[in-house]
Protein backbone atom coordinates (compact mmCIF):
# COMPACT_ATOMS: atom_id res chain seq x y z
CA MET A 1 -62.13 -30.60 -5.25
CA MET A 2 -60.52 -33.25 -3.09
CA VAL A 3 -57.06 -31.91 -3.92
CA ALA A 4 -58.16 -28.41 -2.90
CA VAL A 5 -59.57 -29.67 0.40
CA LYS A 6 -56.43 -31.66 1.16
CA THR A 7 -54.24 -28.67 0.31
CA MET A 8 -56.22 -26.33 2.57
CA THR A 9 -56.23 -28.91 5.37
CA MET A 10 -52.49 -29.53 5.23
CA THR A 11 -51.79 -25.77 5.10
CA THR A 12 -53.99 -25.24 8.16
CA MET A 13 -52.21 -28.03 10.00
CA ASP A 14 -48.83 -26.47 9.14
CA LEU A 15 -50.00 -23.10 10.47
CA PHE A 16 -51.33 -24.62 13.70
CA ASN A 17 -48.12 -26.55 14.31
CA ASP A 18 -45.57 -23.85 13.45
CA ALA A 19 -45.91 -20.52 15.29
CA LYS A 20 -43.15 -18.90 13.20
CA LEU A 21 -44.94 -19.81 9.98
CA LEU A 22 -48.20 -18.37 11.35
CA GLU A 23 -46.50 -15.11 12.31
CA ALA A 24 -44.89 -14.87 8.87
CA ALA A 25 -48.27 -15.41 7.20
CA LYS A 26 -49.88 -12.72 9.39
CA LYS A 27 -47.05 -10.30 8.58
CA GLU A 28 -47.33 -10.95 4.85
CA PHE A 29 -51.11 -10.50 4.98
CA ASN A 30 -50.84 -7.18 6.83
CA ASP A 31 -48.05 -5.96 4.51
CA LYS A 32 -50.13 -6.70 1.41
CA ARG A 33 -53.25 -5.17 2.95
CA GLY A 34 -51.41 -1.95 3.68
CA PRO A 35 -51.20 0.37 6.69
CA ASN A 36 -54.26 2.45 5.74
CA PHE A 37 -56.69 -0.47 5.42
CA LYS A 38 -60.19 0.25 6.68
CA TYR A 39 -62.91 -2.37 6.44
CA GLU A 40 -66.01 -1.24 4.55
CA SER A 41 -69.03 -3.48 4.13
CA LEU A 42 -69.99 -4.18 0.53
CA VAL A 43 -73.68 -3.75 1.36
CA GLY A 44 -73.20 -0.39 3.06
CA ASP A 45 -75.13 0.56 6.18
CA ILE A 46 -78.27 -1.45 5.49
CA PRO A 47 -79.25 -4.07 8.08
CA PRO A 48 -78.89 -7.75 7.18
CA PRO A 49 -81.96 -9.29 5.52
CA LEU A 50 -82.33 -11.85 8.31
CA ASP A 51 -81.64 -11.56 11.99
CA ILE A 52 -80.84 -15.12 13.01
CA ARG A 53 -79.95 -14.04 16.54
CA LYS A 54 -83.54 -13.28 17.45
CA SER A 55 -85.50 -16.15 18.87
CA LYS A 56 -89.18 -16.45 18.09
């Protein structure tokens, strides 16, 4: 688990420090996702079970 955390941290640092690398990652992500991608919720149109934004 520590190796995974270190890997994710170092990758994030690389992306924050290198704008070209970040743009390349965004381009690859969008290319793999495809031009006709449309987000659809896995739970459908039902409301969330909890509304944490409401204060009591």
